[in-house]
Amino acid sequence: MGFRSRKSRKGVLMATSSLSDSSAAKAAQILRDIFAPMDHGFTVRLWDGSEVRLGRHVHPVTVVVPSVKSFKRILLNPEASEFAEAYCDGDVDFLGDLFEVMQVADSMEELDLSFWRKVQIAMKVKGLPE
């Protein structure tokens, strides 16, 4: 059972800029810092086409993040509910089986990020150039 949004069937346009290499590398490190401890991991495809595998047991789920703006939106509040809202608004796309996506979301909810950890993440995310 494939799970793709209308946007992915038409093809997600990946935004690029001269800064995308350094911003994508910084984004990848931020993702690793947050999601490395997850049991049910996933892959993130960034705006420059690079893919970052996250978590201990990576499931066949890919989150497509087409722009720095979309990345900032989901990582300023790195919770499953924010990913879901961003998907509904068309800011990100999910590729993979719906049930696998749900397992990843459940695992994401188990992450215990303190208030101060969220502040640190927000400062790094806000520092990414668009």
C-alpha atoms as a PDB file:
ATOM      1  CA  MET A   1       0.000   0.000   0.000  1.00  0.00           C
ATOM      2  CA  GLY A   2       1.755   3.173  -1.169  1.00  0.00           C
ATOM      3  CA  PHE A   3       1.242   6.468   0.603  1.00  0.00           C
ATOM      4  CA  ARG A   4       1.905   9.499  -1.574  1.00  0.00           C
ATOM      5  CA  SER A   5       0.337  12.883  -1.678  1.00  0.00           C
ATOM      6  CA  ARG A   6      -1.109  14.493  -4.761  1.00  0.00           C
ATOM      7  CA  LYS A   7       1.980  16.663  -4.888  1.00  0.00           C
ATOM      8  CA  SER A   8       4.378  13.695  -5.159  1.00  0.00           C
ATOM      9  CA  ARG A   9       2.453  12.106  -8.021  1.00  0.00           C
ATOM     10  CA  LYS A  10       2.985  15.287 -10.003  1.00  0.00           C
ATOM     11  CA  GLY A  11       6.581  15.500  -8.806  1.00  0.00           C
ATOM     12  CA  VAL A  12       7.933  17.560  -5.948  1.00  0.00           C
ATOM     13  CA  LEU A  13      10.100  20.398  -7.145  1.00  0.00           C
ATOM     14  CA  MET A  14      13.286  20.612  -5.155  1.00  0.00           C
ATOM     15  CA  ALA A  15      14.366  24.202  -4.520  1.00  0.00           C
ATOM     16  CA  THR A  16      18.058  24.864  -5.016  1.00  0.00           C
ATOM     17  CA  SER A  17      20.358  27.790  -4.475  1.00  0.00           C
ATOM     18  CA  SER A  18      24.061  28.479  -4.256  1.00  0.00           C
ATOM     19  CA  LEU A  19      23.801  27.988  -0.495  1.00  0.00           C
ATOM     20  CA  SER A  20      21.970  24.653  -0.684  1.00  0.00           C
ATOM     21  CA  ASP A  21      25.066  22.486  -0.222  1.00  0.00           C
ATOM     22  CA  SER A  22      26.076  24.056   3.083  1.00  0.00           C
ATOM     23  CA  SER A  23      22.503  24.499   4.334  1.00  0.00           C
ATOM     24  CA  ALA A  24      21.623  20.894   3.425  1.00  0.00           C
ATOM     25  CA  ALA A  25      24.724  19.606   5.231  1.00  0.00           C
ATOM     26  CA  LYS A  26      23.810  21.634   8.324  1.00  0.00           C
ATOM     27  CA  ALA A  27      20.215  20.414   8.077  1.00  0.00           C
ATOM     28  CA  ALA A  28      21.398  16.795   7.882  1.00  0.00           C
ATOM     29  CA  GLN A  29      23.416  17.237  11.067  1.00  0.00           C
ATOM     30  CA  ILE A  30      20.459  18.808  12.881  1.00  0.00           C
ATOM     31  CA  LEU A  31      18.287  15.846  11.831  1.00  0.00           C
ATOM     32  CA  ARG A  32      20.883  13.347  13.065  1.00  0.00           C
ATOM     33  CA  ASP A  33      21.167  15.169  16.400  1.00  0.00           C
ATOM     34  CA  ILE A  34      17.409  14.931  16.955  1.00  0.00           C
ATOM     35  CA  PHE A  35      16.323  11.622  15.453  1.00  0.00           C
ATOM     36  CA  ALA A  36      19.340   9.293  15.848  1.00  0.00           C
ATOM     37  CA  PRO A  37      17.934   7.610  18.998  1.00  0.00           C
ATOM     38  CA  MET A  38      14.622   6.615  17.354  1.00  0.00           C
ATOM     39  CA  ASP A  39      13.900   2.886  17.155  1.00  0.00           C
ATOM     40  CA  HIS A  40      11.747   3.091  14.022  1.00  0.00           C
ATOM     41  CA  GLY A  41      13.829   5.299  11.785  1.00  0.00           C
ATOM     42  CA  PHE A  42      13.134   6.914   8.446  1.00  0.00           C
ATOM     43  CA  THR A  43      14.834   8.736   5.585  1.00  0.00           C
ATOM     44  CA  VAL A  44      14.635  12.448   4.826  1.00  0.00           C
ATOM     45  CA  ARG A  45      15.195  13.691   1.276  1.00  0.00           C
ATOM     46  CA  LEU A  46      16.343  17.303   1.424  1.00  0.00           C
ATOM     47  CA  TRP A  47      15.827  20.071  -1.141  1.00  0.00           C
ATOM     48  CA  ASP A  48      19.199  19.385  -2.795  1.00  0.00           C
ATOM     49  CA  GLY A  49      18.285  15.718  -3.360  1.00  0.00           C
ATOM     50  CA  SER A  50      20.519  14.357  -0.583  1.00  0.00           C
ATOM     51  CA  GLU A  51      19.050  11.674   1.662  1.00  0.00           C
ATOM     52  CA  VAL A  52      19.636  11.300   5.402  1.00  0.00           C
ATOM     53  CA  ARG A  53      18.869   7.985   7.111  1.00  0.00           C
ATOM     54  CA  LEU A  54      17.785   8.450  10.712  1.00  0.00           C
ATOM     55  CA  GLY A  55      17.196   6.092  13.612  1.00  0.00           C
ATOM     56  CA  ARG A  56      18.365   2.617  14.581  1.00  0.00           C
ATOM     57  CA  HIS A  57      16.094   0.543  12.329  1.00  0.00           C
ATOM     58  CA  VAL A  58      15.333   2.546   9.199  1.00  0.00           C
ATOM     59  CA  HIS A  59      11.913   1.745   7.771  1.00  0.00           C
ATOM     60  CA  PRO A  60      10.994   2.274   4.104  1.00  0.00           C
ATOM     61  CA  VAL A  61       9.537   5.717   4.819  1.00  0.00           C
ATOM     62  CA  THR A  62      10.876   8.879   3.221  1.00  0.00           C
ATOM     63  CA  VAL A  63       9.954  12.415   4.194  1.00  0.00           C
ATOM     64  CA  VAL A  64      10.510  14.746   1.228  1.00  0.00           C
ATOM     65  CA  VAL A  65      11.449  18.265   2.326  1.00  0.00           C
ATOM     66  CA  PRO A  66      11.473  20.461  -0.808  1.00  0.00           C
ATOM     67  CA  SER A  67      12.821  23.691   0.713  1.00  0.00           C
ATOM     68  CA  VAL A  68      14.654  25.247   3.644  1.00  0.00           C
ATOM     69  CA  LYS A  69      11.399  26.984   4.552  1.00  0.00           C
ATOM     70  CA  SER A  70       9.635  23.609   4.872  1.00  0.00           C
ATOM     71  CA  PHE A  71      12.547  22.242   6.903  1.00  0.00           C
ATOM     72  CA  LYS A  72      12.360  25.159   9.296  1.00  0.00           C
ATOM     73  CA  ARG A  73       8.632  24.681   9.721  1.00  0.00           C
ATOM     74  CA  ILE A  74       8.850  21.036  10.790  1.00  0.00           C
ATOM     75  CA  LEU A  75      11.992  21.359  12.893  1.00  0.00           C
ATOM     76  CA  LEU A  76      10.983  24.408  14.912  1.00  0.00           C
ATOM     77  CA  ASN A  77       8.568  21.976  16.570  1.00  0.00           C
ATOM     78  CA  PRO A  78      10.032  18.503  15.864  1.00  0.00           C
ATOM     79  CA  GLU A  79       6.975  16.415  16.710  1.00  0.00           C
ATOM     80  CA  ALA A  80       4.858  14.009  14.676  1.00  0.00           C
ATOM     81  CA  SER A  81       1.883  16.391  14.762  1.00  0.00           C
ATOM     82  CA  GLU A  82       3.920  19.129  13.053  1.00  0.00           C
ATOM     83  CA  PHE A  83       5.015  16.712  10.319  1.00  0.00           C
ATOM     84  CA  ALA A  84       1.342  15.739   9.818  1.00  0.00           C
ATOM     85  CA  GLU A  85       0.200  19.373   9.597  1.00  0.00           C
ATOM     86  CA  ALA A  86       2.999  20.177   7.151  1.00  0.00           C
ATOM     87  CA  TYR A  87       1.918  17.209   5.019  1.00  0.00           C
ATOM     88  CA  CYS A  88      -1.712  18.371   5.016  1.00  0.00           C
ATOM     89  CA  ASP A  89      -0.566  21.868   3.974  1.00  0.00           C
ATOM     90  CA  GLY A  90       1.600  20.441   1.165  1.00  0.00           C
ATOM     91  CA  ASP A  91       4.897  21.584   2.728  1.00  0.00           C
ATOM     92  CA  VAL A  92       6.333  18.042   2.941  1.00  0.00           C
ATOM     93  CA  ASP A  93       5.538  14.696   1.381  1.00  0.00           C
ATOM     94  CA  PHE A  94       5.658  11.136   2.733  1.00  0.00           C
ATOM     95  CA  LEU A  95       6.708   8.214   0.563  1.00  0.00           C
ATOM     96  CA  GLY A  96       6.071   4.710   1.807  1.00  0.00           C
ATOM     97  CA  ASP A  97       3.469   2.458   3.330  1.00  0.00           C
ATOM     98  CA  LEU A  98       0.876   4.213   5.507  1.00  0.00           C
ATOM     99  CA  PHE A  99       1.349   1.689   8.327  1.00  0.00           C
ATOM    100  CA  GLU A 100       5.126   2.217   8.267  1.00  0.00           C
ATOM    101  CA  VAL A 101       4.564   5.990   8.418  1.00  0.00           C
ATOM    102  CA  MET A 102       2.376   5.473  11.492  1.00  0.00           C
ATOM    103  CA  GLN A 103       5.080   3.378  13.225  1.00  0.00           C
ATOM    104  CA  VAL A 104       7.628   6.118  12.567  1.00  0.00           C
ATOM    105  CA  ALA A 105       5.200   8.730  13.937  1.00  0.00           C
ATOM    106  CA  ASP A 106       4.688   6.654  17.087  1.00  0.00           C
ATOM    107  CA  SER A 107       8.448   6.328  17.545  1.00  0.00           C
ATOM    108  CA  MET A 108       8.834  10.079  17.032  1.00  0.00           C
ATOM    109  CA  GLU A 109       6.345  10.706  19.843  1.00  0.00           C
ATOM    110  CA  GLU A 110       8.588   8.695  22.187  1.00  0.00           C
ATOM    111  CA  LEU A 111      11.466  11.150  21.765  1.00  0.00           C
ATOM    112  CA  ASP A 112      11.930  13.107  24.962  1.00  0.00           C
ATOM    113  CA  LEU A 113      13.200  16.562  24.027  1.00  0.00           C
ATOM    114  CA  SER A 114      13.474  18.975  26.931  1.00  0.00           C
ATOM    115  CA  PHE A 115      12.430  22.589  26.591  1.00  0.00           C
ATOM    116  CA  TRP A 116      16.083  23.690  26.481  1.00  0.00           C
ATOM    117  CA  ARG A 117      16.925  21.069  23.849  1.00  0.00           C
ATOM    118  CA  LYS A 118      14.077  22.424  21.706  1.00  0.00           C
ATOM    119  CA  VAL A 119      15.471  25.942  22.151  1.00  0.00           C
ATOM    120  CA  GLN A 120      18.925  24.752  21.005  1.00  0.00           C
ATOM    121  CA  ILE A 121      17.389  23.069  17.967  1.00  0.00           C
ATOM    122  CA  ALA A 122      15.343  26.174  17.127  1.00  0.00           C
ATOM    123  CA  MET A 123      18.456  28.366  17.231  1.00  0.00           C
ATOM    124  CA  LYS A 124      20.298  26.054  14.826  1.00  0.00           C
ATOM    125  CA  VAL A 125      17.293  25.810  12.504  1.00  0.00           C
ATOM    126  CA  LYS A 126      16.710  29.564  12.424  1.00  0.00           C
ATOM    127  CA  GLY A 127      20.371  30.032  11.507  1.00  0.00           C
ATOM    128  CA  LEU A 128      19.994  28.115   8.223  1.00  0.00           C
ATOM    129  CA  PRO A 129      20.148  30.394   5.177  1.00  0.00           C
ATOM    130  CA  GLU A 130      17.186  30.269   2.800  1.00  0.00           C
END
